[in-house]
Amino acid sequence: SVMAFDMNERGFSLATGFVVDKALGIILTNRHVVTTGPVTADAVLHNKEEIELTPLYADPVHDFGFFKYDPADVRFMELQEIPLAPSEARVGLEVRVVGNDAGEKISILSGTIARLDR
């Protein structure tokens, strides 16, 4: 039996991620996707091109993590980035939350920022 270093069962995850720095090759995603221990991950881009990912950071408190990829590996499309702007977040700001429904389809939900401390 194979066991991850954090004693969680070996698993398979699908998630949505966003390029936040295309020059450095950094993708933002959910924390549970960027697990501790050995990780094998690939990103499937909009044009179905696949690139290898390396775990960069999984926040221990908040639900986000980062993967890194080699920008030279993206050969068939020009990536766009969504830069992070935490200084622009404020309570009451209307936002869109993008995710995937078990890998089947992209979902976009609207919401309002209620707190800034989590």
Foldseek 3Di string as FASTA:
>chain_A
DDAFPVRDRDDDDDKDWFAQDLVFAKIKTFLVQLDHGDDWDWDQDPVRDIFTWDWDARDPPDTMGMIGTDSVSPDDDDGDGDHDDLVPDDFFDKDWDWMDDRPPDIDIDIDTHHDDPD
